C-alpha atoms as a PDB file:
ATOM      1  CA  MET A   1       0.103   0.108   0.106  1.00  0.00           C
ATOM      2  CA  ILE A   2       1.170   3.528  -0.895  1.00  0.00           C
ATOM      3  CA  GLU A   3       1.044   6.094   2.106  1.00  0.00           C
ATOM      4  CA  SER A   4      -0.745   9.208   1.539  1.00  0.00           C
ATOM      5  CA  PRO A   5       0.825  12.610   2.633  1.00  0.00           C
ATOM      6  CA  TYR A   6      -2.172  13.207   4.521  1.00  0.00           C
ATOM      7  CA  THR A   7      -1.599  10.446   7.248  1.00  0.00           C
ATOM      8  CA  GLY A   8       1.249  12.278   8.917  1.00  0.00           C
ATOM      9  CA  MET A   9      -0.755  15.188   9.818  1.00  0.00           C
ATOM     10  CA  SER A  10      -2.024  15.406  13.181  1.00  0.00           C
ATOM     11  CA  ASP A  11      -5.715  14.187  14.010  1.00  0.00           C
ATOM     12  CA  ASP A  12      -6.787  17.543  15.302  1.00  0.00           C
ATOM     13  CA  PHE A  13      -5.889  18.891  12.201  1.00  0.00           C
ATOM     14  CA  VAL A  14      -7.442  16.577   9.942  1.00  0.00           C
ATOM     15  CA  ASP A  15     -10.696  16.541  11.564  1.00  0.00           C
ATOM     16  CA  SER A  16     -11.071  19.823  11.452  1.00  0.00           C
ATOM     17  CA  ILE A  17     -10.883  20.274   7.555  1.00  0.00           C
ATOM     18  CA  ALA A  18     -14.333  21.227   6.554  1.00  0.00           C
ATOM     19  CA  CYS A  19     -13.295  20.832   2.930  1.00  0.00           C
ATOM     20  CA  LEU A  20     -10.451  20.097   0.538  1.00  0.00           C
ATOM     21  CA  TYR A  21      -9.925  21.301  -2.872  1.00  0.00           C
ATOM     22  CA  SER A  22      -6.828  22.609  -5.263  1.00  0.00           C
ATOM     23  CA  ALA A  23      -6.862  26.029  -6.091  1.00  0.00           C
ATOM     24  CA  THR A  24      -4.660  28.504  -7.854  1.00  0.00           C
ATOM     25  CA  ILE A  25      -3.836  31.768  -6.335  1.00  0.00           C
ATOM     26  CA  THR A  26      -4.653  34.753  -9.006  1.00  0.00           C
ATOM     27  CA  GLU A  27      -3.332  38.508  -8.494  1.00  0.00           C
ATOM     28  CA  SER A  28      -5.372  41.329  -9.203  1.00  0.00           C
ATOM     29  CA  ASP A  29      -4.211  45.126  -8.628  1.00  0.00           C
ATOM     30  CA  GLY A  30      -1.635  44.183  -5.898  1.00  0.00           C
ATOM     31  CA  SER A  31      -3.984  41.823  -3.998  1.00  0.00           C
ATOM     32  CA  TYR A  32      -3.904  37.894  -4.136  1.00  0.00           C
ATOM     33  CA  SER A  33      -7.031  35.695  -3.906  1.00  0.00           C
ATOM     34  CA  ILE A  34      -8.127  32.017  -4.007  1.00  0.00           C
ATOM     35  CA  ASP A  35     -11.206  31.106  -5.429  1.00  0.00           C
ATOM     36  CA  VAL A  36     -13.583  28.856  -3.732  1.00  0.00           C
ATOM     37  CA  PRO A  37     -15.288  25.844  -5.802  1.00  0.00           C
ATOM     38  CA  GLU A  38     -18.906  26.669  -5.994  1.00  0.00           C
ATOM     39  CA  ARG A  39     -19.914  23.257  -5.023  1.00  0.00           C
ATOM     40  CA  GLU A  40     -18.372  23.910  -1.572  1.00  0.00           C
ATOM     41  CA  ILE A  41     -20.877  26.635  -1.064  1.00  0.00           C
ATOM     42  CA  GLU A  42     -23.817  24.633  -2.335  1.00  0.00           C
ATOM     43  CA  LEU A  43     -22.674  21.851  -0.090  1.00  0.00           C
ATOM     44  CA  GLY A  44     -23.002  24.243   2.814  1.00  0.00           C
ATOM     45  CA  GLU A  45     -19.041  23.524   3.634  1.00  0.00           C
ATOM     46  CA  ILE A  46     -18.070  27.206   3.441  1.00  0.00           C
ATOM     47  CA  ASP A  47     -20.430  29.890   4.446  1.00  0.00           C
ATOM     48  CA  PRO A  48     -19.796  32.887   1.865  1.00  0.00           C
ATOM     49  CA  ASP A  49     -20.493  35.750   4.449  1.00  0.00           C
ATOM     50  CA  SER A  50     -18.020  34.156   7.092  1.00  0.00           C
ATOM     51  CA  THR A  51     -14.552  34.145   7.907  1.00  0.00           C
ATOM     52  CA  ILE A  52     -12.630  30.771   7.102  1.00  0.00           C
ATOM     53  CA  ARG A  53      -9.140  29.313   8.067  1.00  0.00           C
ATOM     54  CA  VAL A  54      -6.942  28.675   5.184  1.00  0.00           C
ATOM     55  CA  ALA A  55      -4.176  26.107   5.375  1.00  0.00           C
ATOM     56  CA  ILE A  56      -1.603  26.170   2.681  1.00  0.00           C
ATOM     57  CA  MET A  57       0.210  23.043   1.747  1.00  0.00           C
ATOM     58  CA  ARG A  58       3.351  23.143   0.249  1.00  0.00           C
ATOM     59  CA  GLU A  59       4.909  20.361  -2.186  1.00  0.00           C
ATOM     60  CA  ASP A  60       8.248  20.911  -0.318  1.00  0.00           C
ATOM     61  CA  THR A  61       6.716  20.836   2.990  1.00  0.00           C
ATOM     62  CA  ALA A  62       7.875  17.898   5.286  1.00  0.00           C
ATOM     63  CA  GLU A  63       4.869  15.478   5.544  1.00  0.00           C
ATOM     64  CA  THR A  64       4.758  15.599   9.361  1.00  0.00           C
ATOM     65  CA  GLU A  65       4.275  19.566   9.608  1.00  0.00           C
ATOM     66  CA  THR A  66       1.200  21.145   9.816  1.00  0.00           C
ATOM     67  CA  PRO A  67       0.586  23.901   7.631  1.00  0.00           C
ATOM     68  CA  GLU A  68       0.520  27.644   8.720  1.00  0.00           C
ATOM     69  CA  THR A  69      -3.223  28.852   9.136  1.00  0.00           C
ATOM     70  CA  VAL A  70      -4.691  32.210   8.975  1.00  0.00           C
ATOM     71  CA  THR A  71      -7.664  34.471   9.715  1.00  0.00           C
ATOM     72  CA  THR A  72     -10.259  33.418  12.296  1.00  0.00           C
ATOM     73  CA  PRO A  73     -12.269  30.222  12.859  1.00  0.00           C
ATOM     74  CA  ARG A  74     -15.838  30.013  11.930  1.00  0.00           C
ATOM     75  CA  ALA A  75     -18.705  27.901  13.402  1.00  0.00           C
ATOM     76  CA  PRO A  76     -18.645  24.411  12.443  1.00  0.00           C
ATOM     77  CA  ALA A  77     -21.165  23.341   9.609  1.00  0.00           C
ATOM     78  CA  GLU A  78     -23.179  20.453   9.741  1.00  0.00           C
ATOM     79  CA  HIS A  79     -21.787  17.628   7.949  1.00  0.00           C
ATOM     80  CA  PRO A  80     -23.709  14.747   6.938  1.00  0.00           C
ATOM     81  CA  GLU A  81     -22.264  11.153   7.441  1.00  0.00           C
ATOM     82  CA  PRO A  82     -19.516  10.427   4.710  1.00  0.00           C
ATOM     83  CA  PRO A  83     -21.063   8.283   2.136  1.00  0.00           C
ATOM     84  CA  VAL A  84     -18.390   5.528   2.254  1.00  0.00           C
ATOM     85  CA  GLU A  85     -17.094   3.311   5.437  1.00  0.00           C
ATOM     86  CA  GLU A  86     -13.623   1.963   6.027  1.00  0.00           C
ATOM     87  CA  GLY A  87     -13.140  -1.392   4.341  1.00  0.00           C
ATOM     88  CA  ASP A  88     -15.832  -0.371   1.280  1.00  0.00           C
ATOM     89  CA  ILE A  89     -14.812  -1.571  -2.127  1.00  0.00           C
ATOM     90  CA  ARG A  90     -15.788   1.051  -4.720  1.00  0.00           C
ATOM     91  CA  GLU A  91     -15.191   1.598  -8.541  1.00  0.00           C
ATOM     92  CA  VAL A  92     -13.943   4.881  -9.303  1.00  0.00           C
ATOM     93  CA  THR A  93     -12.570   7.121 -12.098  1.00  0.00           C
ATOM     94  CA  ILE A  94      -9.870   9.145 -11.193  1.00  0.00           C
ATOM     95  CA  GLU A  95     -10.657  12.696 -12.156  1.00  0.00           C
ATOM     96  CA  SER A  96      -7.768  14.643 -11.368  1.00  0.00           C
ATOM     97  CA  THR A  97      -4.454  14.774  -9.388  1.00  0.00           C
ATOM     98  CA  GLY A  98      -4.010  16.475  -6.006  1.00  0.00           C
ATOM     99  CA  ASP A  99      -1.171  18.785  -4.869  1.00  0.00           C
ATOM    100  CA  GLN A 100       0.992  15.876  -3.420  1.00  0.00           C
ATOM    101  CA  GLY A 101       0.436  13.872  -6.545  1.00  0.00           C
ATOM    102  CA  ASP A 102      -2.328  11.354  -5.376  1.00  0.00           C
ATOM    103  CA  GLY A 103      -5.413  10.631  -7.700  1.00  0.00           C
ATOM    104  CA  ILE A 104      -8.879  12.448  -6.754  1.00  0.00           C
ATOM    105  CA  ALA A 105     -11.714  10.613  -7.315  1.00  0.00           C
ATOM    106  CA  LYS A 106     -15.450  11.626  -6.406  1.00  0.00           C
ATOM    107  CA  VAL A 107     -18.189   9.392  -5.168  1.00  0.00           C
ATOM    108  CA  ASP A 108     -21.764  10.226  -3.926  1.00  0.00           C
ATOM    109  CA  ARG A 109     -22.398  14.016  -2.973  1.00  0.00           C
ATOM    110  CA  GLY A 110     -19.355  14.908  -4.505  1.00  0.00           C
ATOM    111  CA  PHE A 111     -17.356  13.174  -1.759  1.00  0.00           C
ATOM    112  CA  VAL A 112     -13.538  13.214  -2.446  1.00  0.00           C
ATOM    113  CA  VAL A 113     -11.717   9.893  -2.103  1.00  0.00           C
ATOM    114  CA  ILE A 114      -7.784  10.342  -2.267  1.00  0.00           C
ATOM    115  CA  VAL A 115      -5.967   7.254  -4.192  1.00  0.00           C
ATOM    116  CA  PRO A 116      -2.180   7.435  -4.087  1.00  0.00           C
ATOM    117  CA  GLY A 117      -0.460   6.027  -7.060  1.00  0.00           C
ATOM    118  CA  ALA A 118      -3.779   6.630  -9.414  1.00  0.00           C
ATOM    119  CA  ARG A 119      -3.541   8.847 -12.321  1.00  0.00           C
ATOM    120  CA  PRO A 120      -6.408  11.011 -13.915  1.00  0.00           C
ATOM    121  CA  GLY A 121      -8.185   8.722 -16.360  1.00  0.00           C
ATOM    122  CA  ASP A 122      -7.759   5.573 -14.360  1.00  0.00           C
ATOM    123  CA  ASP A 123     -10.874   3.408 -13.752  1.00  0.00           C
ATOM    124  CA  VAL A 124      -9.850   1.651 -10.512  1.00  0.00           C
ATOM    125  CA  THR A 125     -11.440  -0.608  -7.808  1.00  0.00           C
ATOM    126  CA  VAL A 126     -10.476   0.626  -4.558  1.00  0.00           C
ATOM    127  CA  LYS A 127     -10.611  -0.491  -0.809  1.00  0.00           C
ATOM    128  CA  ILE A 128     -11.428   2.775   1.566  1.00  0.00           C
ATOM    129  CA  ASP A 129      -8.477   2.759   3.957  1.00  0.00           C
ATOM    130  CA  SER A 130      -9.639   5.764   6.288  1.00  0.00           C
ATOM    131  CA  VAL A 131     -12.559   8.188   6.469  1.00  0.00           C
ATOM    132  CA  GLN A 132     -12.684  11.736   7.660  1.00  0.00           C
ATOM    133  CA  PRO A 133     -15.868  13.863   7.526  1.00  0.00           C
ATOM    134  CA  ASN A 134     -14.888  15.350   4.189  1.00  0.00           C
ATOM    135  CA  TYR A 135     -12.723  13.064   2.388  1.00  0.00           C
ATOM    136  CA  ALA A 136     -11.287   9.336   2.582  1.00  0.00           C
ATOM    137  CA  VAL A 137      -8.210   7.983   1.571  1.00  0.00           C
ATOM    138  CA  ALA A 138      -8.315   4.485  -0.496  1.00  0.00           C
ATOM    139  CA  GLU A 139      -5.786   2.063  -2.044  1.00  0.00           C
ATOM    140  CA  VAL A 140      -5.913   0.487  -5.391  1.00  0.00           C
ATOM    141  CA  VAL A 141      -7.064  -3.167  -5.274  1.00  0.00           C
ATOM    142  CA  GLU A 142      -7.711  -3.738  -8.889  1.00  0.00           C
ATOM    143  CA  GLU A 143      -7.058  -1.591 -11.807  1.00  0.00           C
ATOM    144  CA  GLU A 144      -9.405  -1.726 -14.955  1.00  0.00           C
ATOM    145  CA  THR A 145      -7.673   0.678 -17.538  1.00  0.00           C
ATOM    146  CA  THR A 146      -4.760   2.695 -17.332  1.00  0.00           C
ATOM    147  CA  SER A 147      -4.541   6.585 -18.366  1.00  0.00           C
ATOM    148  CA  ALA A 148      -2.388   8.023 -20.853  1.00  0.00           C
ATOM    149  CA  TRP A 149      -0.544   9.967 -18.137  1.00  0.00           C
END
């Protein structure tokens, strides 16, 4: 099994993640911003009228370090139960690659499944290894097709 870089983070930090996505920083008139995907607002993970905490994860940061956070905390959002459980077997299509190089798939309600070693376009059968309120980490148990990546 390939170990995910997220496993080295403290449990308190990982449990406090309300949503997880990759974004690009854009500059406009000397100010920088990060766009929040609309689906995070629609799912209720982020209230557009609140102040949120932002964690910036660098590719060159040691896996065991906790990223810096900025701004002030917000009230926790109501979280529906994750649509997967540890040990579940799922067939997924890898949609993208996360900042750490892991494959990213989405299942019910857009729930993110991180699949180390998988690449965009891969159709794989995975076993869910760990589940957090807003994402899960899984390992490939059967690869159906390989992407051109």
